């Protein structure tokens, strides 16, 4: 019984050591670029990864990010 309790104590307390990604700062200045290029620039600077299908992204829409 003691081994069972120690196992669960360890399993549930290991979540206390999880790393937080909530305060990541990204500095971007993009002028009139496609969404695909904007996503790539964000991925290169941060820890974020975007998953999307190229068919759904508008190819004629340009974005500006400051």
PDB file of N, CA and C in Angstrom:
ATOM      1  N   UNK A   1       0.816  -1.192   0.000  1.00  0.00           N
ATOM      2  CA  UNK A   1       0.000   0.000   0.000  1.00  0.00           C
ATOM      3  C   UNK A   1       0.867   1.267   0.000  1.00  0.00           C
ATOM      4  N   UNK A   2       1.981   1.198   0.700  1.00  0.00           N
ATOM      5  CA  UNK A   2       2.863   2.363   0.770  1.00  0.00           C
ATOM      6  C   UNK A   2       3.443   2.693  -0.601  1.00  0.00           C
ATOM      7  N   UNK A   3       3.833   1.691  -1.351  1.00  0.00           N
ATOM      8  CA  UNK A   3       4.365   1.915  -2.695  1.00  0.00           C
ATOM      9  C   UNK A   3       3.303   2.535  -3.598  1.00  0.00           C
ATOM     10  N   UNK A   4       2.070   2.109  -3.443  1.00  0.00           N
ATOM     11  CA  UNK A   4       0.959   2.647  -4.223  1.00  0.00           C
ATOM     12  C   UNK A   4       0.760   4.132  -3.923  1.00  0.00           C
ATOM     13  N   UNK A   5       0.779   4.490  -2.661  1.00  0.00           N
ATOM     14  CA  UNK A   5       0.602   5.889  -2.248  1.00  0.00           C
ATOM     15  C   UNK A   5       1.783   6.726  -2.714  1.00  0.00           C
ATOM     16  N   UNK A   6       2.995   6.230  -2.580  1.00  0.00           N
ATOM     17  CA  UNK A   6       4.172   6.977  -3.036  1.00  0.00           C
ATOM     18  C   UNK A   6       4.161   7.178  -4.546  1.00  0.00           C
ATOM     19  N   UNK A   7       3.720   6.186  -5.283  1.00  0.00           N
ATOM     20  CA  UNK A   7       3.631   6.322  -6.730  1.00  0.00           C
ATOM     21  C   UNK A   7       2.674   7.443  -7.117  1.00  0.00           C
ATOM     22  N   UNK A   8       1.485   7.460  -6.539  1.00  0.00           N
ATOM     23  CA  UNK A   8       0.510   8.501  -6.866  1.00  0.00           C
ATOM     24  C   UNK A   8       0.951   9.865  -6.356  1.00  0.00           C
ATOM     25  N   UNK A   9       1.616   9.917  -5.236  1.00  0.00           N
ATOM     26  CA  UNK A   9       2.127  11.185  -4.729  1.00  0.00           C
ATOM     27  C   UNK A   9       3.153  11.762  -5.694  1.00  0.00           C
ATOM     28  N   UNK A  10       4.031  10.917  -6.185  1.00  0.00           N
ATOM     29  CA  UNK A  10       5.027  11.362  -7.159  1.00  0.00           C
ATOM     30  C   UNK A  10       4.373  11.751  -8.482  1.00  0.00           C
ATOM     31  N   UNK A  11       3.431  10.964  -8.942  1.00  0.00           N
ATOM     32  CA  UNK A  11       2.782  11.223 -10.230  1.00  0.00           C
ATOM     33  C   UNK A  11       2.026  12.546 -10.219  1.00  0.00           C
ATOM     34  N   UNK A  12       1.329  12.857  -9.155  1.00  0.00           N
ATOM     35  CA  UNK A  12       0.550  14.089  -9.107  1.00  0.00           C
ATOM     36  C   UNK A  12       1.390  15.305  -8.746  1.00  0.00           C
ATOM     37  N   UNK A  13       2.494  15.113  -8.045  1.00  0.00           N
ATOM     38  CA  UNK A  13       3.338  16.259  -7.699  1.00  0.00           C
ATOM     39  C   UNK A  13       4.281  16.634  -8.827  1.00  0.00           C
ATOM     40  N   UNK A  14       4.489  15.754  -9.800  1.00  0.00           N
ATOM     41  CA  UNK A  14       5.386  16.075 -10.911  1.00  0.00           C
ATOM     42  C   UNK A  14       4.827  17.184 -11.793  1.00  0.00           C
ATOM     43  N   UNK A  15       3.542  17.433 -11.739  1.00  0.00           N
ATOM     44  CA  UNK A  15       2.949  18.511 -12.520  1.00  0.00           C
ATOM     45  C   UNK A  15       3.329  19.872 -11.965  1.00  0.00           C
ATOM     46  N   UNK A  16       3.795  19.941 -10.762  1.00  0.00           N
ATOM     47  CA  UNK A  16       4.212  21.208 -10.161  1.00  0.00           C
ATOM     48  C   UNK A  16       5.454  21.768 -10.838  1.00  0.00           C
ATOM     49  N   UNK A  17       6.210  20.919 -11.517  1.00  0.00           N
ATOM     50  CA  UNK A  17       7.453  21.335 -12.142  1.00  0.00           C
ATOM     51  C   UNK A  17       7.286  21.649 -13.623  1.00  0.00           C
ATOM     52  N   UNK A  18       6.069  21.769 -14.088  1.00  0.00           N
ATOM     53  CA  UNK A  18       5.815  22.038 -15.500  1.00  0.00           C
ATOM     54  C   UNK A  18       6.262  23.460 -15.843  1.00  0.00           C
ATOM     55  N   UNK A  19       6.765  23.635 -17.047  1.00  0.00           N
ATOM     56  CA  UNK A  19       7.227  24.934 -17.502  1.00  0.00           C
ATOM     57  C   UNK A  19       6.069  25.725 -18.091  1.00  0.00           C
ATOM     58  N   UNK A  20       6.034  27.011 -17.800  1.00  0.00           N
ATOM     59  CA  UNK A  20       4.957  27.866 -18.292  1.00  0.00           C
ATOM     60  C   UNK A  20       5.433  28.654 -19.507  1.00  0.00           C
ATOM     61  N   UNK A  21       4.571  28.758 -20.520  1.00  0.00           N
ATOM     62  CA  UNK A  21       4.891  29.509 -21.727  1.00  0.00           C
ATOM     63  C   UNK A  21       3.984  30.730 -21.895  1.00  0.00           C
ATOM     64  N   UNK A  22       3.370  31.184 -20.845  1.00  0.00           N
ATOM     65  CA  UNK A  22       2.383  32.242 -20.955  1.00  0.00           C
ATOM     66  C   UNK A  22       2.934  33.632 -21.174  1.00  0.00           C
ATOM     67  N   UNK A  23       4.194  33.878 -20.839  1.00  0.00           N
ATOM     68  CA  UNK A  23       4.725  35.232 -20.893  1.00  0.00           C
ATOM     69  C   UNK A  23       5.828  35.391 -21.926  1.00  0.00           C
ATOM     70  N   UNK A  24       5.694  34.761 -23.060  1.00  0.00           N
ATOM     71  CA  UNK A  24       6.691  34.861 -24.124  1.00  0.00           C
ATOM     72  C   UNK A  24       6.486  36.159 -24.895  1.00  0.00           C
ATOM     73  N   UNK A  25       7.574  36.897 -25.111  1.00  0.00           N
ATOM     74  CA  UNK A  25       7.513  38.164 -25.833  1.00  0.00           C
ATOM     75  C   UNK A  25       8.064  37.975 -27.246  1.00  0.00           C
ATOM     76  N   UNK A  26       7.330  38.493 -28.213  1.00  0.00           N
ATOM     77  CA  UNK A  26       7.749  38.436 -29.608  1.00  0.00           C
ATOM     78  C   UNK A  26       7.735  39.855 -30.148  1.00  0.00           C
ATOM     79  N   UNK A  27       8.816  40.240 -30.803  1.00  0.00           N
ATOM     80  CA  UNK A  27       8.915  41.587 -31.365  1.00  0.00           C
ATOM     81  C   UNK A  27       8.923  41.469 -32.887  1.00  0.00           C
ATOM     82  N   UNK A  28       7.820  41.857 -33.510  1.00  0.00           N
ATOM     83  CA  UNK A  28       7.687  41.750 -34.968  1.00  0.00           C
ATOM     84  C   UNK A  28       7.242  43.070 -35.573  1.00  0.00           C
ATOM     85  N   UNK A  29       7.771  43.363 -36.728  1.00  0.00           N
ATOM     86  CA  UNK A  29       7.305  44.486 -37.533  1.00  0.00           C
ATOM     87  C   UNK A  29       7.245  43.986 -38.973  1.00  0.00           C
ATOM     88  N   UNK A  30       6.063  43.648 -39.391  1.00  0.00           N
ATOM     89  CA  UNK A  30       5.862  43.127 -40.739  1.00  0.00           C
ATOM     90  C   UNK A  30       4.882  44.029 -41.468  1.00  0.00           C
ATOM     91  N   UNK A  31       5.213  44.375 -42.687  1.00  0.00           N
ATOM     92  CA  UNK A  31       4.368  45.241 -43.502  1.00  0.00           C
ATOM     93  C   UNK A  31       3.875  44.485 -44.727  1.00  0.00           C
ATOM     94  N   UNK A  32       2.595  44.327 -44.831  1.00  0.00           N
ATOM     95  CA  UNK A  32       1.948  43.746 -46.006  1.00  0.00           C
ATOM     96  C   UNK A  32       2.591  42.431 -46.446  1.00  0.00           C
ATOM     97  N   UNK A  33       2.524  41.440 -45.578  1.00  0.00           N
ATOM     98  CA  UNK A  33       3.038  40.108 -45.899  1.00  0.00           C
ATOM     99  C   UNK A  33       1.885  39.124 -45.844  1.00  0.00           C
ATOM    100  N   UNK A  34       2.074  37.972 -46.444  1.00  0.00           N
ATOM    101  CA  UNK A  34       1.034  36.951 -46.425  1.00  0.00           C
ATOM    102  C   UNK A  34       0.937  36.335 -45.030  1.00  0.00           C
ATOM    103  N   UNK A  35      -0.188  35.700 -44.771  1.00  0.00           N
ATOM    104  CA  UNK A  35      -0.383  35.063 -43.474  1.00  0.00           C
ATOM    105  C   UNK A  35       0.638  33.954 -43.243  1.00  0.00           C
ATOM    106  N   UNK A  36       0.990  33.245 -44.285  1.00  0.00           N
ATOM    107  CA  UNK A  36       1.962  32.164 -44.172  1.00  0.00           C
ATOM    108  C   UNK A  36       3.312  32.699 -43.704  1.00  0.00           C
ATOM    109  N   UNK A  37       3.750  33.830 -44.270  1.00  0.00           N
ATOM    110  CA  UNK A  37       5.021  34.434 -43.856  1.00  0.00           C
ATOM    111  C   UNK A  37       4.934  34.982 -42.436  1.00  0.00           C
ATOM    112  N   UNK A  38       3.793  35.519 -42.055  1.00  0.00           N
ATOM    113  CA  UNK A  38       3.615  36.016 -40.690  1.00  0.00           C
ATOM    114  C   UNK A  38       3.682  34.870 -39.684  1.00  0.00           C
ATOM    115  N   UNK A  39       3.036  33.758 -39.996  1.00  0.00           N
ATOM    116  CA  UNK A  39       3.096  32.595 -39.111  1.00  0.00           C
ATOM    117  C   UNK A  39       4.530  32.091 -38.970  1.00  0.00           C
ATOM    118  N   UNK A  40       5.270  32.050 -40.068  1.00  0.00           N
ATOM    119  CA  UNK A  40       6.660  31.588 -40.022  1.00  0.00           C
ATOM    120  C   UNK A  40       7.521  32.520 -39.173  1.00  0.00           C
ATOM    121  N   UNK A  41       7.299  33.835 -39.278  1.00  0.00           N
ATOM    122  CA  UNK A  41       8.074  34.788 -38.487  1.00  0.00           C
ATOM    123  C   UNK A  41       7.788  34.624 -36.995  1.00  0.00           C
ATOM    124  N   UNK A  42       6.541  34.377 -36.644  1.00  0.00           N
ATOM    125  CA  UNK A  42       6.183  34.143 -35.244  1.00  0.00           C
ATOM    126  C   UNK A  42       6.809  32.846 -34.751  1.00  0.00           C
ATOM    127  N   UNK A  43       6.784  31.811 -35.570  1.00  0.00           N
ATOM    128  CA  UNK A  43       7.392  30.532 -35.192  1.00  0.00           C
ATOM    129  C   UNK A  43       8.898  30.666 -34.986  1.00  0.00           C
ATOM    130  N   UNK A  44       9.556  31.485 -35.814  1.00  0.00           N
ATOM    131  CA  UNK A  44      11.004  31.649 -35.705  1.00  0.00           C
ATOM    132  C   UNK A  44      11.416  32.380 -34.431  1.00  0.00           C
ATOM    133  N   UNK A  45      10.577  33.271 -33.932  1.00  0.00           N
ATOM    134  CA  UNK A  45      10.923  34.041 -32.743  1.00  0.00           C
ATOM    135  C   UNK A  45      10.440  33.411 -31.445  1.00  0.00           C
ATOM    136  N   UNK A  46       9.433  32.612 -31.509  1.00  0.00           N
ATOM    137  CA  UNK A  46       8.858  32.099 -30.272  1.00  0.00           C
ATOM    138  C   UNK A  46       8.845  30.595 -30.213  1.00  0.00           C
ATOM    139  N   UNK A  47       8.033  30.103 -29.324  1.00  0.00           N
ATOM    140  CA  UNK A  47       7.904  28.670 -29.109  1.00  0.00           C
ATOM    141  C   UNK A  47       6.608  28.146 -29.704  1.00  0.00           C
ATOM    142  N   UNK A  48       5.982  28.962 -30.507  1.00  0.00           N
ATOM    143  CA  UNK A  48       4.684  28.612 -31.070  1.00  0.00           C
ATOM    144  C   UNK A  48       4.843  27.890 -32.400  1.00  0.00           C
ATOM    145  N   UNK A  49       3.909  26.994 -32.674  1.00  0.00           N
ATOM    146  CA  UNK A  49       3.870  26.284 -33.956  1.00  0.00           C
ATOM    147  C   UNK A  49       2.431  26.302 -34.456  1.00  0.00           C
ATOM    148  N   UNK A  50       2.260  26.730 -35.693  1.00  0.00           N
ATOM    149  CA  UNK A  50       0.942  26.795 -36.285  1.00  0.00           C
ATOM    150  C   UNK A  50       0.741  25.604 -37.210  1.00  0.00           C
ATOM    151  N   UNK A  51      -0.410  25.003 -37.108  1.00  0.00           N
ATOM    152  CA  UNK A  51      -0.761  23.888 -37.977  1.00  0.00           C
ATOM    153  C   UNK A  51      -1.977  24.315 -38.784  1.00  0.00           C
ATOM    154  N   UNK A  52      -1.832  24.317 -40.086  1.00  0.00           N
ATOM    155  CA  UNK A  52      -2.917  24.760 -40.957  1.00  0.00           C
ATOM    156  C   UNK A  52      -2.760  24.105 -42.320  1.00  0.00           C
ATOM    157  N   UNK A  53      -3.813  24.182 -43.080  1.00  0.00           N
ATOM    158  CA  UNK A  53      -3.769  23.696 -44.462  1.00  0.00           C
ATOM    159  C   UNK A  53      -3.623  24.896 -45.377  1.00  0.00           C
ATOM    160  N   UNK A  54      -2.737  24.802 -46.336  1.00  0.00           N
ATOM    161  CA  UNK A  54      -2.496  25.915 -47.254  1.00  0.00           C
ATOM    162  C   UNK A  54      -3.745  26.291 -48.044  1.00  0.00           C
ATOM    163  N   UNK A  55      -4.624  25.320 -48.268  1.00  0.00           N
ATOM    164  CA  UNK A  55      -5.815  25.591 -49.067  1.00  0.00           C
ATOM    165  C   UNK A  55      -6.768  26.569 -48.380  1.00  0.00           C
ATOM    166  N   UNK A  56      -6.748  26.633 -47.056  1.00  0.00           N
ATOM    167  CA  UNK A  56      -7.708  27.512 -46.376  1.00  0.00           C
ATOM    168  C   UNK A  56      -7.175  28.915 -46.151  1.00  0.00           C
ATOM    169  N   UNK A  57      -5.883  29.117 -46.263  1.00  0.00           N
ATOM    170  CA  UNK A  57      -5.339  30.462 -46.078  1.00  0.00           C
ATOM    171  C   UNK A  57      -5.624  31.312 -47.305  1.00  0.00           C
ATOM    172  N   UNK A  58      -6.101  32.527 -47.085  1.00  0.00           N
ATOM    173  CA  UNK A  58      -6.327  33.409 -48.241  1.00  0.00           C
ATOM    174  C   UNK A  58      -4.985  33.858 -48.828  1.00  0.00           C
ATOM    175  N   UNK A  59      -4.800  33.658 -50.104  1.00  0.00           N
ATOM    176  CA  UNK A  59      -3.509  33.987 -50.737  1.00  0.00           C
ATOM    177  C   UNK A  59      -3.430  35.444 -51.128  1.00  0.00           C
ATOM    178  N   UNK A  60      -4.547  36.111 -51.288  1.00  0.00           N
ATOM    179  CA  UNK A  60      -4.526  37.510 -51.726  1.00  0.00           C
ATOM    180  C   UNK A  60      -4.619  38.489 -50.565  1.00  0.00           C
ATOM    181  N   UNK A  61      -4.747  38.010 -49.349  1.00  0.00           N
ATOM    182  CA  UNK A  61      -4.880  38.895 -48.187  1.00  0.00           C
ATOM    183  C   UNK A  61      -3.507  39.104 -47.559  1.00  0.00           C
ATOM    184  N   UNK A  62      -3.124  40.366 -47.340  1.00  0.00           N
ATOM    185  CA  UNK A  62      -1.858  40.722 -46.732  1.00  0.00           C
ATOM    186  C   UNK A  62      -2.101  41.314 -45.353  1.00  0.00           C
ATOM    187  N   UNK A  63      -1.187  41.058 -44.419  1.00  0.00           N
ATOM    188  CA  UNK A  63      -1.351  41.543 -43.043  1.00  0.00           C
ATOM    189  C   UNK A  63      -0.150  42.416 -42.666  1.00  0.00           C
ATOM    190  N   UNK A  64      -0.381  43.321 -41.720  1.00  0.00           N
ATOM    191  CA  UNK A  64       0.663  44.160 -41.149  1.00  0.00           C
ATOM    192  C   UNK A  64       0.662  43.946 -39.647  1.00  0.00           C
ATOM    193  N   UNK A  65       1.826  43.671 -39.086  1.00  0.00           N
ATOM    194  CA  UNK A  65       1.952  43.392 -37.653  1.00  0.00           C
ATOM    195  C   UNK A  65       3.011  44.319 -37.069  1.00  0.00           C
ATOM    196  N   UNK A  66       2.663  44.982 -35.973  1.00  0.00           N
ATOM    197  CA  UNK A  66       3.621  45.815 -35.228  1.00  0.00           C
ATOM    198  C   UNK A  66       3.655  45.344 -33.797  1.00  0.00           C
TER     199      UNK A  66
END
